[in-house]
Amino acid sequence: MNAFIVELPNRPGSLAMISEAIAERGINITGIAGATSAELGSVAFITDDDSGTRNALGEKGWVYREVPVVTASLDDRPGTLAAAARRLADAGINVETMFATGKDGDKVKMAFGVDTPEAAQRALG
């Protein structure tokens, strides 16, 4: 699974355009995060269809990057994200994006877009 990171103009409708292009293909966005700074913003997301997402973004001409994703279930309590981040840092892994993808009981499901997925999975356990 990959996260798609797209740089967008910081103006009304940018998120709508990208999410509509993906939805038109029947693709579900299963996790998403975004932020803006001045005139630009970035959105990072995962879907249930990497290939279809690639095609949807390419056909609309959006420039994007793909980043491998590893998932982890973290206890829903203070400090568990810090501990996971420290394990990744100590293993020399760069986190390019991250977001919660859901909750299962007392666990928060997290997706980490990283530069070395195999090492990240080992570090996260």
PDB file of N, CA and C in Angstrom:
ATOM      1  N   MET A   1       0.848  -1.165   0.000  1.00  0.00           N
ATOM      2  CA  MET A   1       0.000   0.000   0.000  1.00  0.00           C
ATOM      3  C   MET A   1       0.897   1.232   0.000  1.00  0.00           C
ATOM      4  N   ASN A   2       0.446   2.268  -0.718  1.00  0.00           N
ATOM      5  CA  ASN A   2       1.180   3.520  -0.790  1.00  0.00           C
ATOM      6  C   ASN A   2       0.299   4.679  -0.386  1.00  0.00           C
ATOM      7  N   ALA A   3       0.934   5.702   0.158  1.00  0.00           N
ATOM      8  CA  ALA A   3       0.264   6.981   0.369  1.00  0.00           C
ATOM      9  C   ALA A   3       0.581   7.838  -0.843  1.00  0.00           C
ATOM     10  N   PHE A   4      -0.383   8.611  -1.261  1.00  0.00           N
ATOM     11  CA  PHE A   4      -0.213   9.560  -2.355  1.00  0.00           C
ATOM     12  C   PHE A   4      -0.141  10.944  -1.723  1.00  0.00           C
ATOM     13  N   ILE A   5       0.904  11.687  -2.047  1.00  0.00           N
ATOM     14  CA  ILE A   5       1.072  13.035  -1.525  1.00  0.00           C
ATOM     15  C   ILE A   5       0.971  13.995  -2.703  1.00  0.00           C
ATOM     16  N   VAL A   6      -0.002  14.902  -2.629  1.00  0.00           N
ATOM     17  CA  VAL A   6      -0.287  15.831  -3.717  1.00  0.00           C
ATOM     18  C   VAL A   6      -0.197  17.251  -3.186  1.00  0.00           C
ATOM     19  N   GLU A   7       0.538  18.100  -3.901  1.00  0.00           N
ATOM     20  CA  GLU A   7       0.585  19.516  -3.560  1.00  0.00           C
ATOM     21  C   GLU A   7      -0.533  20.221  -4.311  1.00  0.00           C
ATOM     22  N   LEU A   8      -1.300  21.028  -3.584  1.00  0.00           N
ATOM     23  CA  LEU A   8      -2.466  21.706  -4.152  1.00  0.00           C
ATOM     24  C   LEU A   8      -2.423  23.193  -3.828  1.00  0.00           C
ATOM     25  N   PRO A   9      -3.056  24.000  -4.655  1.00  0.00           N
ATOM     26  CA  PRO A   9      -3.183  25.416  -4.290  1.00  0.00           C
ATOM     27  C   PRO A   9      -4.096  25.562  -3.079  1.00  0.00           C
ATOM     28  N   ASN A  10      -3.771  26.493  -2.209  1.00  0.00           N
ATOM     29  CA  ASN A  10      -4.568  26.744  -1.005  1.00  0.00           C
ATOM     30  C   ASN A  10      -5.719  27.677  -1.370  1.00  0.00           C
ATOM     31  N   ARG A  11      -6.764  27.076  -1.934  1.00  0.00           N
ATOM     32  CA  ARG A  11      -7.955  27.849  -2.304  1.00  0.00           C
ATOM     33  C   ARG A  11      -9.171  26.919  -2.290  1.00  0.00           C
ATOM     34  N   PRO A  12     -10.352  27.510  -2.181  1.00  0.00           N
ATOM     35  CA  PRO A  12     -11.570  26.691  -2.139  1.00  0.00           C
ATOM     36  C   PRO A  12     -11.687  25.788  -3.369  1.00  0.00           C
ATOM     37  N   GLY A  13     -12.044  24.555  -3.132  1.00  0.00           N
ATOM     38  CA  GLY A  13     -12.291  23.605  -4.213  1.00  0.00           C
ATOM     39  C   GLY A  13     -11.154  22.647  -4.512  1.00  0.00           C
ATOM     40  N   SER A  14      -9.955  22.911  -4.015  1.00  0.00           N
ATOM     41  CA  SER A  14      -8.821  22.025  -4.317  1.00  0.00           C
ATOM     42  C   SER A  14      -9.056  20.611  -3.807  1.00  0.00           C
ATOM     43  N   LEU A  15      -9.455  20.490  -2.557  1.00  0.00           N
ATOM     44  CA  LEU A  15      -9.727  19.166  -1.997  1.00  0.00           C
ATOM     45  C   LEU A  15     -10.904  18.515  -2.714  1.00  0.00           C
ATOM     46  N   ALA A  16     -11.906  19.302  -3.037  1.00  0.00           N
ATOM     47  CA  ALA A  16     -13.070  18.758  -3.741  1.00  0.00           C
ATOM     48  C   ALA A  16     -12.667  18.172  -5.085  1.00  0.00           C
ATOM     49  N   MET A  17     -11.836  18.877  -5.841  1.00  0.00           N
ATOM     50  CA  MET A  17     -11.429  18.389  -7.167  1.00  0.00           C
ATOM     51  C   MET A  17     -10.712  17.050  -7.086  1.00  0.00           C
ATOM     52  N   ILE A  18      -9.786  16.933  -6.165  1.00  0.00           N
ATOM     53  CA  ILE A  18      -9.001  15.702  -6.092  1.00  0.00           C
ATOM     54  C   ILE A  18      -9.848  14.545  -5.570  1.00  0.00           C
ATOM     55  N   SER A  19     -10.678  14.802  -4.567  1.00  0.00           N
ATOM     56  CA  SER A  19     -11.498  13.717  -4.024  1.00  0.00           C
ATOM     57  C   SER A  19     -12.591  13.305  -5.006  1.00  0.00           C
ATOM     58  N   GLU A  20     -13.114  14.237  -5.781  1.00  0.00           N
ATOM     59  CA  GLU A  20     -14.106  13.885  -6.798  1.00  0.00           C
ATOM     60  C   GLU A  20     -13.499  13.020  -7.897  1.00  0.00           C
ATOM     61  N   ALA A  21     -12.291  13.348  -8.324  1.00  0.00           N
ATOM     62  CA  ALA A  21     -11.635  12.559  -9.374  1.00  0.00           C
ATOM     63  C   ALA A  21     -11.441  11.107  -8.929  1.00  0.00           C
ATOM     64  N   ILE A  22     -11.135  10.920  -7.660  1.00  0.00           N
ATOM     65  CA  ILE A  22     -10.947   9.568  -7.139  1.00  0.00           C
ATOM     66  C   ILE A  22     -12.297   8.872  -6.967  1.00  0.00           C
ATOM     67  N   ALA A  23     -13.275   9.590  -6.443  1.00  0.00           N
ATOM     68  CA  ALA A  23     -14.609   9.012  -6.225  1.00  0.00           C
ATOM     69  C   ALA A  23     -15.279   8.610  -7.538  1.00  0.00           C
ATOM     70  N   GLU A  24     -15.044   9.374  -8.609  1.00  0.00           N
ATOM     71  CA  GLU A  24     -15.647   9.060  -9.909  1.00  0.00           C
ATOM     72  C   GLU A  24     -15.243   7.680 -10.407  1.00  0.00           C
ATOM     73  N   ARG A  25     -14.125   7.180  -9.957  1.00  0.00           N
ATOM     74  CA  ARG A  25     -13.653   5.845 -10.343  1.00  0.00           C
ATOM     75  C   ARG A  25     -14.114   4.770  -9.373  1.00  0.00           C
ATOM     76  N   GLY A  26     -14.906   5.142  -8.383  1.00  0.00           N
ATOM     77  CA  GLY A  26     -15.375   4.177  -7.397  1.00  0.00           C
ATOM     78  C   GLY A  26     -14.309   3.777  -6.398  1.00  0.00           C
ATOM     79  N   ILE A  27     -13.303   4.634  -6.213  1.00  0.00           N
ATOM     80  CA  ILE A  27     -12.200   4.356  -5.295  1.00  0.00           C
ATOM     81  C   ILE A  27     -12.503   5.019  -3.961  1.00  0.00           C
ATOM     82  N   ASN A  28     -12.274   4.290  -2.881  1.00  0.00           N
ATOM     83  CA  ASN A  28     -12.524   4.796  -1.543  1.00  0.00           C
ATOM     84  C   ASN A  28     -11.234   5.318  -0.927  1.00  0.00           C
ATOM     85  N   ILE A  29     -11.265   6.540  -0.426  1.00  0.00           N
ATOM     86  CA  ILE A  29     -10.151   7.084   0.352  1.00  0.00           C
ATOM     87  C   ILE A  29     -10.314   6.549   1.769  1.00  0.00           C
ATOM     88  N   THR A  30      -9.297   5.816   2.250  1.00  0.00           N
ATOM     89  CA  THR A  30      -9.423   5.141   3.536  1.00  0.00           C
ATOM     90  C   THR A  30      -8.652   5.832   4.652  1.00  0.00           C
ATOM     91  N   GLY A  31      -7.887   6.843   4.316  1.00  0.00           N
ATOM     92  CA  GLY A  31      -7.169   7.644   5.302  1.00  0.00           C
ATOM     93  C   GLY A  31      -6.660   8.892   4.616  1.00  0.00           C
ATOM     94  N   ILE A  32      -6.678  10.032   5.328  1.00  0.00           N
ATOM     95  CA  ILE A  32      -6.276  11.285   4.702  1.00  0.00           C
ATOM     96  C   ILE A  32      -5.808  12.275   5.762  1.00  0.00           C
ATOM     97  N   ALA A  33      -4.856  13.105   5.369  1.00  0.00           N
ATOM     98  CA  ALA A  33      -4.376  14.213   6.202  1.00  0.00           C
ATOM     99  C   ALA A  33      -3.953  15.330   5.280  1.00  0.00           C
ATOM    100  N   GLY A  34      -4.039  16.539   5.750  1.00  0.00           N
ATOM    101  CA  GLY A  34      -3.628  17.662   4.926  1.00  0.00           C
ATOM    102  C   GLY A  34      -3.266  18.857   5.771  1.00  0.00           C
ATOM    103  N   ALA A  35      -2.554  19.779   5.160  1.00  0.00           N
ATOM    104  CA  ALA A  35      -2.183  21.027   5.825  1.00  0.00           C
ATOM    105  C   ALA A  35      -1.845  22.047   4.750  1.00  0.00           C
ATOM    106  N   THR A  36      -1.953  23.323   5.116  1.00  0.00           N
ATOM    107  CA  THR A  36      -1.610  24.395   4.194  1.00  0.00           C
ATOM    108  C   THR A  36      -0.561  25.296   4.817  1.00  0.00           C
ATOM    109  N   SER A  37       0.126  26.004   3.947  1.00  0.00           N
ATOM    110  CA  SER A  37       1.075  27.015   4.365  1.00  0.00           C
ATOM    111  C   SER A  37       1.120  28.052   3.260  1.00  0.00           C
ATOM    112  N   ALA A  38       0.650  29.238   3.576  1.00  0.00           N
ATOM    113  CA  ALA A  38       0.589  30.324   2.592  1.00  0.00           C
ATOM    114  C   ALA A  38      -0.273  29.911   1.411  1.00  0.00           C
ATOM    115  N   GLU A  39       0.280  29.918   0.205  1.00  0.00           N
ATOM    116  CA  GLU A  39      -0.518  29.675  -0.993  1.00  0.00           C
ATOM    117  C   GLU A  39      -0.612  28.211  -1.412  1.00  0.00           C
ATOM    118  N   LEU A  40       0.123  27.346  -0.739  1.00  0.00           N
ATOM    119  CA  LEU A  40       0.119  25.932  -1.100  1.00  0.00           C
ATOM    120  C   LEU A  40      -0.317  25.066   0.071  1.00  0.00           C
ATOM    121  N   GLY A  41      -0.761  23.887  -0.277  1.00  0.00           N
ATOM    122  CA  GLY A  41      -1.097  22.890   0.716  1.00  0.00           C
ATOM    123  C   GLY A  41      -0.707  21.528   0.196  1.00  0.00           C
ATOM    124  N   SER A  42      -0.666  20.574   1.075  1.00  0.00           N
ATOM    125  CA  SER A  42      -0.420  19.190   0.686  1.00  0.00           C
ATOM    126  C   SER A  42      -1.498  18.324   1.297  1.00  0.00           C
ATOM    127  N   VAL A  43      -1.888  17.332   0.546  1.00  0.00           N
ATOM    128  CA  VAL A  43      -2.798  16.335   1.056  1.00  0.00           C
ATOM    129  C   VAL A  43      -2.127  14.985   0.847  1.00  0.00           C
ATOM    130  N   ALA A  44      -2.186  14.147   1.873  1.00  0.00           N
ATOM    131  CA  ALA A  44      -1.647  12.791   1.793  1.00  0.00           C
ATOM    132  C   ALA A  44      -2.785  11.845   2.110  1.00  0.00           C
ATOM    133  N   PHE A  45      -2.908  10.795   1.309  1.00  0.00           N
ATOM    134  CA  PHE A  45      -4.033   9.883   1.515  1.00  0.00           C
ATOM    135  C   PHE A  45      -3.698   8.493   1.019  1.00  0.00           C
ATOM    136  N   ILE A  46      -4.448   7.520   1.534  1.00  0.00           N
ATOM    137  CA  ILE A  46      -4.393   6.151   1.039  1.00  0.00           C
ATOM    138  C   ILE A  46      -5.784   5.798   0.551  1.00  0.00           C
ATOM    139  N   THR A  47      -5.826   4.850  -0.389  1.00  0.00           N
ATOM    140  CA  THR A  47      -7.096   4.411  -0.959  1.00  0.00           C
ATOM    141  C   THR A  47      -7.151   2.895  -0.980  1.00  0.00           C
ATOM    142  N   ASP A  48      -8.267   2.377  -1.431  1.00  0.00           N
ATOM    143  CA  ASP A  48      -8.398   0.927  -1.578  1.00  0.00           C
ATOM    144  C   ASP A  48      -7.990   0.450  -2.970  1.00  0.00           C
ATOM    145  N   ASP A  49      -7.367   1.335  -3.780  1.00  0.00           N
ATOM    146  CA  ASP A  49      -6.962   0.973  -5.142  1.00  0.00           C
ATOM    147  C   ASP A  49      -5.808   1.871  -5.599  1.00  0.00           C
ATOM    148  N   ASP A  50      -4.567   1.419  -5.331  1.00  0.00           N
ATOM    149  CA  ASP A  50      -3.391   2.219  -5.715  1.00  0.00           C
ATOM    150  C   ASP A  50      -3.328   2.468  -7.210  1.00  0.00           C
ATOM    151  N   SER A  51      -3.540   1.449  -8.005  1.00  0.00           N
ATOM    152  CA  SER A  51      -3.441   1.582  -9.461  1.00  0.00           C
ATOM    153  C   SER A  51      -4.485   2.557 -10.008  1.00  0.00           C
ATOM    154  N   GLY A  52      -5.712   2.418  -9.563  1.00  0.00           N
ATOM    155  CA  GLY A  52      -6.769   3.312 -10.012  1.00  0.00           C
ATOM    156  C   GLY A  52      -6.517   4.748  -9.573  1.00  0.00           C
ATOM    157  N   THR A  53      -5.969   4.917  -8.368  1.00  0.00           N
ATOM    158  CA  THR A  53      -5.648   6.256  -7.871  1.00  0.00           C
ATOM    159  C   THR A  53      -4.563   6.889  -8.734  1.00  0.00           C
ATOM    160  N   ARG A  54      -3.538   6.114  -9.056  1.00  0.00           N
ATOM    161  CA  ARG A  54      -2.475   6.583  -9.952  1.00  0.00           C
ATOM    162  C   ARG A  54      -3.067   7.077 -11.263  1.00  0.00           C
ATOM    163  N   ASN A  55      -3.955   6.293 -11.840  1.00  0.00           N
ATOM    164  CA  ASN A  55      -4.586   6.664 -13.111  1.00  0.00           C
ATOM    165  C   ASN A  55      -5.435   7.920 -12.969  1.00  0.00           C
ATOM    166  N   ALA A  56      -6.216   8.014 -11.907  1.00  0.00           N
ATOM    167  CA  ALA A  56      -7.079   9.187 -11.697  1.00  0.00           C
ATOM    168  C   ALA A  56      -6.240  10.457 -11.556  1.00  0.00           C
ATOM    169  N   LEU A  57      -5.177  10.387 -10.782  1.00  0.00           N
ATOM    170  CA  LEU A  57      -4.317  11.565 -10.596  1.00  0.00           C
ATOM    171  C   LEU A  57      -3.599  11.926 -11.887  1.00  0.00           C
ATOM    172  N   GLY A  58      -3.084  10.915 -12.581  1.00  0.00           N
ATOM    173  CA  GLY A  58      -2.358  11.160 -13.827  1.00  0.00           C
ATOM    174  C   GLY A  58      -3.224  11.757 -14.909  1.00  0.00           C
ATOM    175  N   GLU A  59      -4.436  11.244 -15.049  1.00  0.00           N
ATOM    176  CA  GLU A  59      -5.338  11.759 -16.081  1.00  0.00           C
ATOM    177  C   GLU A  59      -5.716  13.215 -15.850  1.00  0.00           C
ATOM    178  N   LYS A  60      -5.763  13.637 -14.588  1.00  0.00           N
ATOM    179  CA  LYS A  60      -6.098  15.025 -14.266  1.00  0.00           C
ATOM    180  C   LYS A  60      -4.857  15.923 -14.263  1.00  0.00           C
ATOM    181  N   GLY A  61      -3.690  15.319 -14.441  1.00  0.00           N
ATOM    182  CA  GLY A  61      -2.454  16.096 -14.524  1.00  0.00           C
ATOM    183  C   GLY A  61      -1.869  16.534 -13.190  1.00  0.00           C
ATOM    184  N   TRP A  62      -2.329  15.952 -12.090  1.00  0.00           N
ATOM    185  CA  TRP A  62      -1.764  16.322 -10.802  1.00  0.00           C
ATOM    186  C   TRP A  62      -0.391  15.706 -10.626  1.00  0.00           C
ATOM    187  N   VAL A  63       0.506  16.475 -10.097  1.00  0.00           N
ATOM    188  CA  VAL A  63       1.835  15.984  -9.756  1.00  0.00           C
ATOM    189  C   VAL A  63       1.730  15.404  -8.345  1.00  0.00           C
ATOM    190  N   TYR A  64       2.213  14.203  -8.179  1.00  0.00           N
ATOM    191  CA  TYR A  64       2.105  13.537  -6.886  1.00  0.00           C
ATOM    192  C   TYR A  64       3.325  12.667  -6.648  1.00  0.00           C
ATOM    193  N   ARG A  65       3.507  12.315  -5.399  1.00  0.00           N
ATOM    194  CA  ARG A  65       4.542  11.349  -5.003  1.00  0.00           C
ATOM    195  C   ARG A  65       3.849  10.187  -4.316  1.00  0.00           C
ATOM    196  N   GLU A  66       4.448   9.025  -4.453  1.00  0.00           N
ATOM    197  CA  GLU A  66       3.965   7.847  -3.725  1.00  0.00           C
ATOM    198  C   GLU A  66       4.997   7.489  -2.672  1.00  0.00           C
ATOM    199  N   VAL A  67       4.491   7.152  -1.504  1.00  0.00           N
ATOM    200  CA  VAL A  67       5.343   6.782  -0.380  1.00  0.00           C
ATOM    201  C   VAL A  67       4.817   5.473   0.190  1.00  0.00           C
ATOM    202  N   PRO A  68       5.689   4.480   0.363  1.00  0.00           N
ATOM    203  CA  PRO A  68       5.225   3.222   0.967  1.00  0.00           C
ATOM    204  C   PRO A  68       4.675   3.458   2.368  1.00  0.00           C
ATOM    205  N   VAL A  69       3.647   2.692   2.719  1.00  0.00           N
ATOM    206  CA  VAL A  69       2.985   2.838   4.011  1.00  0.00           C
ATOM    207  C   VAL A  69       3.112   1.562   4.824  1.00  0.00           C
ATOM    208  N   VAL A  70       3.387   1.745   6.103  1.00  0.00           N
ATOM    209  CA  VAL A  70       3.285   0.640   7.060  1.00  0.00           C
ATOM    210  C   VAL A  70       2.220   1.042   8.075  1.00  0.00           C
ATOM    211  N   THR A  71       1.548   0.062   8.599  1.00  0.00           N
ATOM    212  CA  THR A  71       0.490   0.336   9.566  1.00  0.00           C
ATOM    213  C   THR A  71       0.853  -0.229  10.928  1.00  0.00           C
ATOM    214  N   ALA A  72       0.290   0.390  11.936  1.00  0.00           N
ATOM    215  CA  ALA A  72       0.501  -0.077  13.304  1.00  0.00           C
ATOM    216  C   ALA A  72      -0.739   0.247  14.113  1.00  0.00           C
ATOM    217  N   SER A  73      -1.035  -0.599  15.080  1.00  0.00           N
ATOM    218  CA  SER A  73      -2.113  -0.337  16.029  1.00  0.00           C
ATOM    219  C   SER A  73      -1.469   0.105  17.330  1.00  0.00           C
ATOM    220  N   LEU A  74      -1.786   1.331  17.724  1.00  0.00           N
ATOM    221  CA  LEU A  74      -1.198   1.901  18.933  1.00  0.00           C
ATOM    222  C   LEU A  74      -2.260   1.994  20.023  1.00  0.00           C
ATOM    223  N   ASP A  75      -1.849   1.758  21.258  1.00  0.00           N
ATOM    224  CA  ASP A  75      -2.766   1.944  22.378  1.00  0.00           C
ATOM    225  C   ASP A  75      -3.263   3.382  22.373  1.00  0.00           C
ATOM    226  N   ASP A  76      -4.526   3.570  22.686  1.00  0.00           N
ATOM    227  CA  ASP A  76      -5.136   4.897  22.728  1.00  0.00           C
ATOM    228  C   ASP A  76      -4.897   5.518  24.104  1.00  0.00           C
ATOM    229  N   ARG A  77      -3.649   5.962  24.311  1.00  0.00           N
ATOM    230  CA  ARG A  77      -3.275   6.607  25.561  1.00  0.00           C
ATOM    231  C   ARG A  77      -2.054   7.486  25.304  1.00  0.00           C
ATOM    232  N   PRO A  78      -1.813   8.446  26.170  1.00  0.00           N
ATOM    233  CA  PRO A  78      -0.686   9.359  25.973  1.00  0.00           C
ATOM    234  C   PRO A  78       0.654   8.622  25.879  1.00  0.00           C
ATOM    235  N   GLY A  79       1.464   9.065  24.938  1.00  0.00           N
ATOM    236  CA  GLY A  79       2.833   8.557  24.830  1.00  0.00           C
ATOM    237  C   GLY A  79       3.051   7.455  23.825  1.00  0.00           C
ATOM    238  N   THR A  80       1.992   6.805  23.340  1.00  0.00           N
ATOM    239  CA  THR A  80       2.224   5.687  22.421  1.00  0.00           C
ATOM    240  C   THR A  80       2.711   6.163  21.053  1.00  0.00           C
ATOM    241  N   LEU A  81       2.218   7.294  20.579  1.00  0.00           N
ATOM    242  CA  LEU A  81       2.741   7.839  19.320  1.00  0.00           C
ATOM    243  C   LEU A  81       4.189   8.257  19.503  1.00  0.00           C
ATOM    244  N   ALA A  82       4.494   8.891  20.628  1.00  0.00           N
ATOM    245  CA  ALA A  82       5.873   9.292  20.906  1.00  0.00           C
ATOM    246  C   ALA A  82       6.809   8.087  20.907  1.00  0.00           C
ATOM    247  N   ALA A  83       6.378   7.002  21.512  1.00  0.00           N
ATOM    248  CA  ALA A  83       7.203   5.793  21.563  1.00  0.00           C
ATOM    249  C   ALA A  83       7.407   5.209  20.167  1.00  0.00           C
ATOM    250  N   ALA A  84       6.349   5.179  19.358  1.00  0.00           N
ATOM    251  CA  ALA A  84       6.472   4.668  17.984  1.00  0.00           C
ATOM    252  C   ALA A  84       7.399   5.561  17.165  1.00  0.00           C
ATOM    253  N   ALA A  85       7.228   6.870  17.310  1.00  0.00           N
ATOM    254  CA  ALA A  85       8.081   7.814  16.576  1.00  0.00           C
ATOM    255  C   ALA A  85       9.543   7.661  16.985  1.00  0.00           C
ATOM    256  N   ARG A  86       9.792   7.437  18.256  1.00  0.00           N
ATOM    257  CA  ARG A  86      11.171   7.248  18.733  1.00  0.00           C
ATOM    258  C   ARG A  86      11.762   5.969  18.157  1.00  0.00           C
ATOM    259  N   ARG A  87      10.982   4.878  18.102  1.00  0.00           N
ATOM    260  CA  ARG A  87      11.494   3.632  17.523  1.00  0.00           C
ATOM    261  C   ARG A  87      11.860   3.838  16.057  1.00  0.00           C
ATOM    262  N   LEU A  88      11.010   4.555  15.317  1.00  0.00           N
ATOM    263  CA  LEU A  88      11.303   4.833  13.905  1.00  0.00           C
ATOM    264  C   LEU A  88      12.549   5.706  13.779  1.00  0.00           C
ATOM    265  N   ALA A  89      12.647   6.748  14.588  1.00  0.00           N
ATOM    266  CA  ALA A  89      13.808   7.639  14.536  1.00  0.00           C
ATOM    267  C   ALA A  89      15.096   6.890  14.869  1.00  0.00           C
ATOM    268  N   ASP A  90      15.055   6.080  15.912  1.00  0.00           N
ATOM    269  CA  ASP A  90      16.244   5.331  16.315  1.00  0.00           C
ATOM    270  C   ASP A  90      16.686   4.344  15.250  1.00  0.00           C
ATOM    271  N   ALA A  91      15.759   3.895  14.412  1.00  0.00           N
ATOM    272  CA  ALA A  91      16.087   2.978  13.309  1.00  0.00           C
ATOM    273  C   ALA A  91      16.497   3.747  12.047  1.00  0.00           C
ATOM    274  N   GLY A  92      16.539   5.079  12.130  1.00  0.00           N
ATOM    275  CA  GLY A  92      16.961   5.887  10.988  1.00  0.00           C
ATOM    276  C   GLY A  92      15.907   6.019   9.899  1.00  0.00           C
ATOM    277  N   ILE A  93      14.648   5.877  10.267  1.00  0.00           N
ATOM    278  CA  ILE A  93      13.555   5.890   9.286  1.00  0.00           C
ATOM    279  C   ILE A  93      12.934   7.281   9.238  1.00  0.00           C
ATOM    280  N   ASN A  94      12.786   7.812   8.033  1.00  0.00           N
ATOM    281  CA  ASN A  94      12.148   9.103   7.835  1.00  0.00           C
ATOM    282  C   ASN A  94      10.650   8.908   7.623  1.00  0.00           C
ATOM    283  N   VAL A  95       9.858   9.611   8.420  1.00  0.00           N
ATOM    284  CA  VAL A  95       8.396   9.575   8.286  1.00  0.00           C
ATOM    285  C   VAL A  95       8.002  10.776   7.424  1.00  0.00           C
ATOM    286  N   GLU A  96       7.413  10.494   6.255  1.00  0.00           N
ATOM    287  CA  GLU A  96       7.028  11.568   5.339  1.00  0.00           C
ATOM    288  C   GLU A  96       5.578  11.994   5.517  1.00  0.00           C
ATOM    289  N   THR A  97       4.743  11.118   6.039  1.00  0.00           N
ATOM    290  CA  THR A  97       3.360  11.446   6.363  1.00  0.00           C
ATOM    291  C   THR A  97       2.864  10.417   7.363  1.00  0.00           C
ATOM    292  N   MET A  98       1.813  10.780   8.060  1.00  0.00           N
ATOM    293  CA  MET A  98       1.181   9.835   8.982  1.00  0.00           C
ATOM    294  C   MET A  98      -0.220  10.331   9.269  1.00  0.00           C
ATOM    295  N   PHE A  99      -1.101   9.389   9.530  1.00  0.00           N
ATOM    296  CA  PHE A  99      -2.467   9.739   9.887  1.00  0.00           C
ATOM    297  C   PHE A  99      -3.161   8.525  10.465  1.00  0.00           C
ATOM    298  N   ALA A 100      -4.178   8.807  11.269  1.00  0.00           N
ATOM    299  CA  ALA A 100      -5.006   7.733  11.824  1.00  0.00           C
ATOM    300  C   ALA A 100      -5.948   7.241  10.734  1.00  0.00           C
ATOM    301  N   THR A 101      -6.149   5.937  10.687  1.00  0.00           N
ATOM    302  CA  THR A 101      -7.067   5.357   9.701  1.00  0.00           C
ATOM    303  C   THR A 101      -8.283   4.711  10.349  1.00  0.00           C
ATOM    304  N   GLY A 102      -8.341   4.740  11.669  1.00  0.00           N
ATOM    305  CA  GLY A 102      -9.497   4.176  12.346  1.00  0.00           C
ATOM    306  C   GLY A 102      -9.166   3.805  13.773  1.00  0.00           C
ATOM    307  N   LYS A 103     -10.122   3.174  14.386  1.00  0.00           N
ATOM    308  CA  LYS A 103      -9.967   2.763  15.770  1.00  0.00           C
ATOM    309  C   LYS A 103     -10.564   1.374  15.924  1.00  0.00           C
ATOM    310  N   ASP A 104      -9.930   0.556  16.748  1.00  0.00           N
ATOM    311  CA  ASP A 104     -10.411  -0.785  17.025  1.00  0.00           C
ATOM    312  C   ASP A 104     -10.325  -0.997  18.530  1.00  0.00           C
ATOM    313  N   GLY A 105     -11.439  -0.816  19.210  1.00  0.00           N
ATOM    314  CA  GLY A 105     -11.435  -0.932  20.669  1.00  0.00           C
ATOM    315  C   GLY A 105     -10.574   0.147  21.291  1.00  0.00           C
ATOM    316  N   ASP A 106      -9.541  -0.289  22.026  1.00  0.00           N
ATOM    317  CA  ASP A 106      -8.649   0.666  22.673  1.00  0.00           C
ATOM    318  C   ASP A 106      -7.371   0.894  21.867  1.00  0.00           C
ATOM    319  N   LYS A 107      -7.416   0.592  20.571  1.00  0.00           N
ATOM    320  CA  LYS A 107      -6.271   0.789  19.674  1.00  0.00           C
ATOM    321  C   LYS A 107      -6.621   1.802  18.595  1.00  0.00           C
ATOM    322  N   VAL A 108      -5.646   2.638  18.244  1.00  0.00           N
ATOM    323  CA  VAL A 108      -5.768   3.568  17.126  1.00  0.00           C
ATOM    324  C   VAL A 108      -4.942   2.997  15.983  1.00  0.00           C
ATOM    325  N   LYS A 109      -5.555   2.843  14.833  1.00  0.00           N
ATOM    326  CA  LYS A 109      -4.846   2.336  13.658  1.00  0.00           C
ATOM    327  C   LYS A 109      -4.153   3.509  12.973  1.00  0.00           C
ATOM    328  N   MET A 110      -2.844   3.402  12.815  1.00  0.00           N
ATOM    329  CA  MET A 110      -2.048   4.468  12.227  1.00  0.00           C
ATOM    330  C   MET A 110      -1.405   3.988  10.926  1.00  0.00           C
ATOM    331  N   ALA A 111      -1.296   4.901   9.986  1.00  0.00           N
ATOM    332  CA  ALA A 111      -0.557   4.659   8.741  1.00  0.00           C
ATOM    333  C   ALA A 111       0.629   5.602   8.738  1.00  0.00           C
ATOM    334  N   PHE A 112       1.810   5.047   8.511  1.00  0.00           N
ATOM    335  CA  PHE A 112       3.041   5.829   8.443  1.00  0.00           C
ATOM    336  C   PHE A 112       3.613   5.706   7.035  1.00  0.00           C
ATOM    337  N   GLY A 113       3.751   6.826   6.329  1.00  0.00           N
ATOM    338  CA  GLY A 113       4.432   6.845   5.035  1.00  0.00           C
ATOM    339  C   GLY A 113       5.910   7.032   5.296  1.00  0.00           C
ATOM    340  N   VAL A 114       6.701   6.054   4.909  1.00  0.00           N
ATOM    341  CA  VAL A 114       8.117   6.028   5.303  1.00  0.00           C
ATOM    342  C   VAL A 114       9.023   5.767   4.103  1.00  0.00           C
ATOM    343  N   ASP A 115      10.322   6.014   4.311  1.00  0.00           N
ATOM    344  CA  ASP A 115      11.291   5.798   3.233  1.00  0.00           C
ATOM    345  C   ASP A 115      11.766   4.352   3.145  1.00  0.00           C
ATOM    346  N   THR A 116      11.710   3.612   4.222  1.00  0.00           N
ATOM    347  CA  THR A 116      12.145   2.208   4.233  1.00  0.00           C
ATOM    348  C   THR A 116      11.101   1.363   4.963  1.00  0.00           C
ATOM    349  N   PRO A 117      10.101   0.850   4.221  1.00  0.00           N
ATOM    350  CA  PRO A 117       8.977   0.170   4.867  1.00  0.00           C
ATOM    351  C   PRO A 117       9.348  -1.110   5.633  1.00  0.00           C
ATOM    352  N   GLU A 118      10.272  -1.888   5.111  1.00  0.00           N
ATOM    353  CA  GLU A 118      10.621  -3.139   5.819  1.00  0.00           C
ATOM    354  C   GLU A 118      11.233  -2.835   7.160  1.00  0.00           C
ATOM    355  N   ALA A 119      12.158  -1.879   7.211  1.00  0.00           N
ATOM    356  CA  ALA A 119      12.792  -1.506   8.461  1.00  0.00           C
ATOM    357  C   ALA A 119      11.778  -0.878   9.417  1.00  0.00           C
ATOM    358  N   ALA A 120      10.861  -0.091   8.876  1.00  0.00           N
ATOM    359  CA  ALA A 120       9.830   0.542   9.705  1.00  0.00           C
ATOM    360  C   ALA A 120       8.931  -0.516  10.340  1.00  0.00           C
ATOM    361  N   GLN A 121       8.544  -1.518   9.579  1.00  0.00           N
ATOM    362  CA  GLN A 121       7.690  -2.570  10.137  1.00  0.00           C
ATOM    363  C   GLN A 121       8.406  -3.302  11.253  1.00  0.00           C
ATOM    364  N   ARG A 122       9.702  -3.556  11.064  1.00  0.00           N
ATOM    365  CA  ARG A 122      10.476  -4.213  12.138  1.00  0.00           C
ATOM    366  C   ARG A 122      10.532  -3.303  13.368  1.00  0.00           C
ATOM    367  N   ALA A 123      10.764  -2.016  13.173  1.00  0.00           N
ATOM    368  CA  ALA A 123      10.888  -1.087  14.292  1.00  0.00           C
ATOM    369  C   ALA A 123       9.580  -0.965  15.063  1.00  0.00           C
ATOM    370  N   LEU A 124       8.473  -1.016  14.344  1.00  0.00           N
ATOM    371  CA  LEU A 124       7.171  -0.875  14.987  1.00  0.00           C
ATOM    372  C   LEU A 124       6.681  -2.178  15.621  1.00  0.00           C
ATOM    373  N   GLY A 125       7.278  -3.293  15.195  1.00  0.00           N
ATOM    374  CA  GLY A 125       6.927  -4.593  15.772  1.00  0.00           C
ATOM    375  C   GLY A 125       5.762  -5.268  15.174  1.00  0.00           C
TER     376      GLY A 125
END
